Protein backbone atom coordinates (compact mmCIF):
# COMPACT_ATOMS: atom_id res chain seq x y z
CA UNK A 1 -10.84 5.59 -35.59
CA UNK A 2 -13.54 3.53 -37.26
CA UNK A 3 -16.96 5.07 -37.86
CA UNK A 4 -18.58 2.42 -35.63
CA UNK A 5 -16.26 3.25 -32.75
CA UNK A 6 -16.95 6.95 -33.22
CA UNK A 7 -20.73 6.33 -33.16
CA UNK A 8 -20.40 4.27 -29.99
CA UNK A 9 -18.55 7.12 -28.30
CA UNK A 10 -21.42 9.50 -29.03
CA UNK A 11 -24.12 7.05 -27.96
CA UNK A 12 -24.90 6.09 -24.38
CA UNK A 13 -25.40 7.52 -20.92
CA UNK A 14 -21.87 7.56 -19.49
CA UNK A 15 -19.79 10.72 -19.39
CA UNK A 16 -16.21 9.51 -19.61
CA UNK A 17 -16.00 7.12 -22.55
CA UNK A 18 -12.62 7.19 -24.25
CA UNK A 19 -10.44 5.21 -26.61
CA UNK A 20 -8.56 2.78 -24.36
CA UNK A 21 -5.15 3.85 -25.64
CA UNK A 22 -5.96 7.42 -24.52
CA UNK A 23 -7.83 6.61 -21.32
CA UNK A 24 -6.62 8.50 -18.26
CA UNK A 25 -7.62 5.58 -16.03
CA UNK A 26 -4.84 3.40 -17.41
CA UNK A 27 -2.29 5.66 -19.06
CA UNK A 28 -1.93 8.51 -16.57
CA UNK A 29 -1.45 6.64 -13.30
CA UNK A 30 -0.18 8.92 -10.58
CA UNK A 31 2.30 7.35 -8.19
CA UNK A 32 3.11 9.10 -4.91
CA UNK A 33 6.64 8.18 -3.76
CA UNK A 34 7.15 7.61 -0.04
CA UNK A 35 10.29 8.14 2.02
CA UNK A 36 10.77 4.37 2.27
CA UNK A 37 12.14 2.72 -0.90
CA UNK A 38 10.76 -0.65 0.17
CA UNK A 39 7.22 0.77 0.21
CA UNK A 40 7.66 2.18 -3.29
CA UNK A 41 8.69 -1.27 -4.49
CA UNK A 42 5.78 -2.94 -2.66
CA UNK A 43 3.24 -0.58 -4.23
CA UNK A 44 4.59 -0.50 -7.78
CA UNK A 45 7.50 -2.90 -8.25
CA UNK A 46 9.78 0.05 -8.93
CA UNK A 47 12.07 2.35 -6.96
CA UNK A 48 10.60 5.24 -8.95
CA UNK A 49 7.02 4.25 -8.13
CA UNK A 50 4.87 4.66 -5.07
CA UNK A 51 1.33 4.76 -3.73
CA UNK A 52 -1.38 4.62 -6.40
CA UNK A 53 -5.13 5.18 -6.39
CA UNK A 54 -7.58 2.46 -5.41
CA UNK A 55 -7.90 0.21 -2.39
CA UNK A 56 -4.85 -1.09 -0.54
CA UNK A 57 -5.28 -3.45 2.41
CA UNK A 58 -2.58 -3.70 5.10
CA UNK A 59 -3.28 -6.82 7.13
CA UNK A 60 -1.45 -8.48 9.96
CA UNK A 61 -1.43 -9.44 13.60
CA UNK A 62 -1.28 -6.84 16.35
CA UNK A 63 1.76 -4.54 16.38
CA UNK A 64 3.01 -5.33 12.89
CA UNK A 65 3.60 -1.72 11.74
CA UNK A 66 0.31 -1.55 9.80
CA UNK A 67 -0.89 1.81 11.12
CA UNK A 68 2.56 3.40 10.86
CA UNK A 69 2.90 2.16 7.28
CA UNK A 70 -0.43 3.81 6.44
CA UNK A 71 0.70 7.05 8.11
CA UNK A 72 3.91 7.06 6.05
CA UNK A 73 1.68 6.93 2.98
CA UNK A 74 -0.55 9.72 4.31
CA UNK A 75 2.50 11.90 4.90
CA UNK A 76 3.82 11.26 1.38
CA UNK A 77 0.44 12.11 -0.18
CA UNK A 78 -0.02 15.36 1.76
CA UNK A 79 3.59 16.37 1.06
CA UNK A 80 3.07 15.96 -2.67
CA UNK A 81 -0.36 17.61 -2.77
CA UNK A 82 -0.12 20.81 -0.77
CA UNK A 83 -3.86 21.46 -1.12
CA UNK A 84 -4.81 17.85 -0.41
CA UNK A 85 -6.55 16.52 2.67
CA UNK A 86 -6.84 13.19 4.46
CA UNK A 87 -9.92 11.43 5.80
CA UNK A 88 -9.13 9.23 8.82
CA UNK A 89 -11.90 6.76 9.64
CA UNK A 90 -11.13 5.55 13.16
CA UNK A 91 -12.61 2.57 14.99
CA UNK A 92 -9.66 1.76 17.24
CA UNK A 93 -8.78 5.25 18.54
CA UNK A 94 -5.13 4.43 18.94
CA UNK A 95 -3.99 7.36 16.79
CA UNK A 96 -3.68 10.64 18.72
CA UNK A 97 -3.01 14.09 17.20
CA UNK A 98 0.43 13.96 18.82
CA UNK A 99 1.13 10.59 17.21
CA UNK A 100 0.18 11.90 13.75
CA UNK A 101 2.19 15.08 14.31
CA UNK A 102 5.27 12.93 15.09
CA UNK A 103 5.19 11.94 11.40
CA UNK A 104 5.30 15.66 10.46
CA UNK A 105 1.71 15.45 9.24
CA UNK A 106 -0.29 18.68 9.48
CA UNK A 107 -3.22 17.65 11.70
CA UNK A 108 -5.23 20.64 10.43
CA UNK A 109 -5.44 18.84 7.06
CA UNK A 110 -6.74 15.57 8.54
CA UNK A 111 -10.46 15.03 9.16
CA UNK A 112 -10.94 12.55 12.01
CA UNK A 113 -14.14 10.51 11.61
CA UNK A 114 -15.04 8.13 14.48
CA UNK A 115 -16.96 5.04 13.35
CA UNK A 116 -18.61 2.23 15.29
CA UNK A 117 -19.93 -0.17 12.65
CA UNK A 118 -19.56 -1.15 8.99
CA UNK A 119 -22.83 0.47 7.91
CA UNK A 120 -21.88 3.82 9.47
CA UNK A 121 -18.59 3.72 7.56
CA UNK A 122 -20.36 2.82 4.32
CA UNK A 123 -22.98 5.57 4.51
CA UNK A 124 -20.45 8.27 5.42
CA UNK A 125 -17.72 7.36 2.95
CA UNK A 126 -20.19 7.07 0.05
CA UNK A 127 -21.52 10.58 0.72
CA UNK A 128 -18.02 12.01 0.92
CA UNK A 129 -16.91 10.28 -2.28
CA UNK A 130 -19.89 11.77 -4.12
CA UNK A 131 -18.90 15.22 -2.82
CA UNK A 132 -15.26 14.98 -3.94
CA UNK A 133 -14.54 16.53 -7.34
CA UNK A 134 -12.52 14.74 -10.02
CA UNK A 135 -9.51 17.04 -9.56
CA UNK A 136 -9.58 17.31 -5.78
CA UNK A 137 -6.85 15.52 -3.84
CA UNK A 138 -8.01 13.28 -1.00
CA UNK A 139 -6.31 10.43 0.85
CA UNK A 140 -8.50 7.97 2.81
CA UNK A 141 -7.32 5.80 5.70
CA UNK A 142 -9.49 3.31 7.61
CA UNK A 143 -8.09 2.11 10.96
CA UNK A 144 -9.41 -0.48 11.00
CA UNK A 145 -11.93 -2.61 9.15
CA UNK A 146 -10.74 -5.62 11.12
CA UNK A 147 -12.11 -4.13 14.34
CA UNK A 148 -15.47 -3.01 12.92
CA UNK A 149 -18.68 -4.72 13.97
CA UNK A 150 -21.76 -4.88 11.77
CA UNK A 151 -24.87 -2.97 12.77
CA UNK A 152 -26.67 -6.27 13.36
CA UNK A 153 -23.93 -7.41 15.73
CA UNK A 154 -24.34 -4.21 17.74
CA UNK A 155 -28.13 -4.53 17.80
CA UNK A 156 -27.92 -8.18 18.90
CA UNK A 157 -25.70 -7.16 21.80
CA UNK A 158 -28.10 -4.40 22.80
CA UNK A 159 -30.98 -6.91 22.71
CA UNK A 160 -28.93 -9.49 24.64
CA UNK A 161 -28.90 -11.95 21.73
CA UNK A 162 -25.95 -14.31 21.44
CA UNK A 163 -26.62 -15.59 17.91
CA UNK A 164 -23.74 -15.64 15.46
CA UNK A 165 -23.56 -12.65 13.13
CA UNK A 166 -23.59 -13.79 9.50
CA UNK A 167 -24.03 -10.31 8.00
CA UNK A 168 -20.62 -8.71 8.58
CA UNK A 169 -18.84 -10.22 5.57
CA UNK A 170 -21.76 -9.22 3.32
CA UNK A 171 -21.71 -5.68 4.70
CA UNK A 172 -17.98 -5.35 4.08
CA UNK A 173 -18.35 -6.76 0.57
CA UNK A 174 -21.09 -4.23 -0.15
CA UNK A 175 -18.94 -1.39 1.22
CA UNK A 176 -15.93 -2.10 -0.97
CA UNK A 177 -18.05 -3.00 -4.01
CA UNK A 178 -19.59 0.47 -3.84
CA UNK A 179 -16.49 2.56 -3.21
CA UNK A 180 -13.90 0.82 -5.40
CA UNK A 181 -15.00 2.35 -8.75
CA UNK A 182 -15.11 5.84 -7.23
CA UNK A 183 -11.59 5.50 -5.83
CA UNK A 184 -10.22 4.67 -9.28
CA UNK A 185 -12.30 7.17 -11.23
CA UNK A 186 -11.40 10.05 -8.90
CA UNK A 187 -7.80 8.92 -8.42
CA UNK A 188 -8.12 8.51 -4.64
CA UNK A 189 -5.84 6.19 -2.65
CA UNK A 190 -7.55 4.38 0.21
CA UNK A 191 -5.62 2.33 2.75
CA UNK A 192 -7.61 -0.01 4.97
CA UNK A 193 -5.90 -1.57 7.98
CA UNK A 194 -7.15 -5.10 8.64
CA UNK A 195 -6.59 -8.15 10.83
CA UNK A 196 -5.64 -11.72 9.96
CA UNK A 197 -6.51 -15.10 11.43
CA UNK A 198 -4.82 -18.46 11.09
CA UNK A 199 -6.43 -21.26 9.12
CA UNK A 200 -6.58 -24.76 10.56
CA UNK A 201 -3.84 -27.19 9.65
CA UNK A 202 -0.32 -28.33 10.35
CA UNK A 203 1.18 -25.25 8.72
CA UNK A 204 -1.50 -22.59 9.25
CA UNK A 205 -1.64 -19.80 6.72
CA UNK A 206 -2.58 -16.21 7.57
CA UNK A 207 -6.00 -15.30 6.15
CA UNK A 208 -7.22 -11.72 5.71
CA UNK A 209 -10.36 -11.24 7.79
CA UNK A 210 -13.63 -9.84 6.48
CA UNK A 211 -14.51 -12.30 3.74
CA UNK A 212 -13.74 -12.43 0.03
CA UNK A 213 -15.16 -8.98 -0.80
CA UNK A 214 -12.03 -7.22 0.43
CA UNK A 215 -9.76 -9.47 -1.64
CA UNK A 216 -11.83 -8.97 -4.78
CA UNK A 217 -11.94 -5.18 -4.49
CA UNK A 218 -8.37 -4.40 -3.45
CA UNK A 219 -5.67 -3.45 -5.92
CA UNK A 220 -3.18 -4.85 -3.48
CA UNK A 221 -3.24 -6.75 -0.22
CA UNK A 222 -0.14 -6.83 1.96
CA UNK A 223 0.16 -9.19 4.93
CA UNK A 224 2.81 -7.82 7.29
CA UNK A 225 4.60 -10.24 9.60
CA UNK A 226 7.35 -9.65 12.15
CA UNK A 227 10.30 -11.38 13.77
CA UNK A 228 12.74 -10.39 16.47
CA UNK A 229 15.85 -8.46 15.55
CA UNK A 230 18.62 -9.23 18.03
CA UNK A 231 22.05 -7.75 18.63
CA UNK A 232 24.33 -9.89 20.81
CA UNK A 233 21.35 -11.99 21.94
CA UNK A 234 19.44 -8.91 23.12
CA UNK A 235 16.21 -7.74 21.52
CA UNK A 236 17.09 -4.59 19.57
CA UNK A 237 13.93 -4.20 17.50
CA UNK A 238 11.82 -6.01 14.92
CA UNK A 239 12.18 -7.18 11.37
CA UNK A 240 8.93 -6.67 9.47
CA UNK A 241 8.19 -8.38 6.16
CA UNK A 242 5.65 -7.17 3.61
CA UNK A 243 4.20 -10.29 2.01
CA UNK A 244 2.50 -9.48 -1.30
CA UNK A 245 -0.73 -11.48 -1.03
CA UNK A 246 -2.35 -9.75 -4.00
CA UNK A 247 -1.20 -7.02 -6.37
CA UNK A 248 -1.97 -5.64 -9.80
CA UNK A 249 1.58 -4.29 -10.11
CA UNK A 250 3.95 -6.59 -8.17
CA UNK A 251 4.55 -10.32 -8.42
CA UNK A 252 2.44 -12.09 -5.81
CA UNK A 253 4.20 -13.91 -2.95
CA UNK A 254 7.10 -11.46 -3.11
CA UNK A 255 8.60 -10.72 0.31
CA UNK A 256 9.98 -7.28 1.17
CA UNK A 257 11.65 -6.97 4.60
CA UNK A 258 12.63 -3.88 6.58
CA UNK A 259 13.95 -3.34 10.10
CA UNK A 260 12.82 -1.08 12.94
CA UNK A 261 15.18 -0.64 15.91
CA UNK A 262 14.24 0.65 19.33
CA UNK A 263 17.03 3.21 19.48
CA UNK A 264 16.95 4.64 15.96
CA UNK A 265 13.54 3.74 14.48
CA UNK A 266 13.01 2.48 10.96
CA UNK A 267 16.17 1.62 9.06
CA UNK A 268 15.47 3.32 5.75
CA UNK A 269 17.93 1.25 3.71
CA UNK A 270 17.58 -2.07 5.53
CA UNK A 271 15.45 -3.63 2.82
CA UNK A 272 17.89 -2.68 0.09
CA UNK A 273 20.98 -4.32 1.57
CA UNK A 274 20.03 -7.84 0.49
CA UNK A 275 18.98 -6.56 -2.94
CA UNK A 276 22.30 -4.73 -3.31
CA UNK A 277 24.17 -7.92 -2.42
CA UNK A 278 22.10 -9.93 -4.89
CA UNK A 279 22.77 -7.35 -7.60
CA UNK A 280 26.51 -7.31 -6.83
CA UNK A 281 26.84 -3.84 -5.29
CA UNK A 282 27.72 -5.19 -1.83
CA UNK A 283 30.16 -8.04 -1.41
CA UNK A 284 31.10 -10.03 1.68
CA UNK A 285 34.86 -10.70 1.73
CA UNK A 286 34.67 -12.44 5.11
CA UNK A 287 32.16 -13.22 7.80
CA UNK A 288 30.75 -10.09 9.41
CA UNK A 289 32.41 -7.65 6.98
CA UNK A 290 31.23 -6.00 3.79
CA UNK A 291 32.66 -4.02 0.90
CA UNK A 292 30.71 -1.54 -1.23
CA UNK A 293 30.93 -1.18 -4.99
CA UNK A 294 30.26 2.39 -6.04
CA UNK A 295 27.07 2.69 -8.14
CA UNK A 296 28.72 5.67 -9.88
CA UNK A 297 32.30 4.56 -10.59
CA UNK A 298 32.12 0.78 -10.08
CA UNK A 299 35.13 0.89 -7.76
CA UNK A 300 35.34 -1.46 -4.77
CA UNK A 301 35.77 0.25 -1.41
CA UNK A 302 39.14 -0.29 0.23
CA UNK A 303 37.48 -0.14 3.63
CA UNK A 304 35.56 -3.05 5.11
CA UNK A 305 32.28 -2.21 6.83
CA UNK A 306 30.23 -3.78 9.58
CA UNK A 307 26.53 -4.36 8.84
CA UNK A 308 25.42 -1.38 10.94
CA UNK A 309 27.85 0.88 9.05
CA UNK A 310 26.41 -0.31 5.73
CA UNK A 311 22.88 0.45 6.88
CA UNK A 312 23.92 3.98 7.89
CA UNK A 313 25.68 4.78 4.60
CA UNK A 314 23.19 7.30 3.16
CA UNK A 315 25.58 8.38 0.40
CA UNK A 316 25.96 4.87 -0.99
CA UNK A 317 22.24 4.01 -1.01
CA UNK A 318 21.17 7.43 -2.29
CA UNK A 319 23.41 6.85 -5.29
CA UNK A 320 22.32 3.21 -5.62
CA UNK A 321 18.59 3.98 -5.98
CA UNK A 322 19.46 6.34 -8.84
CA UNK A 323 21.53 3.73 -10.65
CA UNK A 324 19.77 2.66 -13.86
CA UNK A 325 21.06 -0.92 -13.76
CA UNK A 326 19.94 -1.38 -10.15
CA UNK A 327 16.51 0.06 -10.94
CA UNK A 328 16.14 -2.42 -13.79
CA UNK A 329 17.27 -5.25 -11.51
CA UNK A 330 14.58 -4.35 -8.95
CA UNK A 331 11.85 -4.08 -11.60
CA UNK A 332 12.81 -7.40 -13.17
CA UNK A 333 12.66 -9.07 -9.75
CA UNK A 334 9.35 -7.62 -8.55
CA UNK A 335 7.33 -5.85 -11.23
CA UNK A 336 4.60 -7.56 -13.23
CA UNK A 337 4.96 -7.54 -17.00
CA UNK A 338 2.91 -5.09 -19.08
CA UNK A 339 -0.32 -5.51 -20.99
CA UNK A 340 -0.82 -8.08 -23.73
CA UNK A 341 0.79 -6.70 -26.89
CA UNK A 342 -1.66 -8.61 -29.08
CA UNK A 343 -4.50 -6.27 -28.11
CA UNK A 344 -4.89 -3.32 -30.48
CA UNK A 345 -5.43 -0.60 -27.86
CA UNK A 346 -6.43 1.99 -30.47
CA UNK A 347 -9.48 -0.03 -31.45
CA UNK A 348 -10.87 -0.68 -27.99
CA UNK A 349 -13.25 1.77 -26.34
CA UNK A 350 -13.17 2.04 -22.54
CA UNK A 351 -16.47 3.01 -20.91
CA UNK A 352 -16.62 4.52 -17.44
CA UNK A 353 -19.90 3.68 -15.68
CA UNK A 354 -20.56 6.80 -13.62
CA UNK A 355 -23.61 5.59 -11.71
């Protein structure tokens, strides 16, 4: 270390200055794996990855699996951190204790916080973030920012004013501008459920509501869409697709589909079938039939399988997600490349602004 760099470390008002190559903010990034491989890929671009700290926005139209996706993440976080807790900021009140318990989440470890406007959320979450210690494990879920009014909007309604509210986007931008550094510094994952609207035009694009502040602050923004899943022309469930609108870890515009059926719920391996076919681990000898290539031995199955049988083959997919070549295939397809090698990380000092 140069003498100048050493002097800079000892001078200043911040508490967490460190050589960038040794900084915990970049080099010790905790990933919390979920039960759904497709979520791990969406969050990190890797089958071995998972939920990371910082702000994640799950946006979409009504009934697009946003809340359930967030609850899967909450479950994974509390399962990994036995002393951890969850803060549930609730403006929609669609989540009951019974609904949370159906995910095997201990409701005694979840603090339910009703909110009515953006300012109330901001004031409360800032106080709680200041109270949380650096080593304490907390998961934050907001359901939802898309349904939150601003305080001005509420006051205008109370005063019978019908003027347009121009303050909501600024309030949301202020909220996320304040909390984003604390989430990263204290290694706290925060998932905010949000709405979308369609832009004008011949081919309207889904736009995340709430203004640009949310997009700037979020580590990742997923827009979840859905389409019907039919069996013999009858509606059997829904095919959801995670569209990577923004990510610091996964290639943007990537699409990650998974299926939820009425009779059997989420199909854990549904998203991996197409990837396995693309990577050569599932082949289609004739229409409607499939053969499996063992990820362990490389042998082709003598038996032909229907699609439903493939989806239910836990043994095959459990071995596949441990296969090194398949892991590398997934990372090459989805994961962003690493940092610029031209930067000498040992000669750069990272400064954490605490206040």
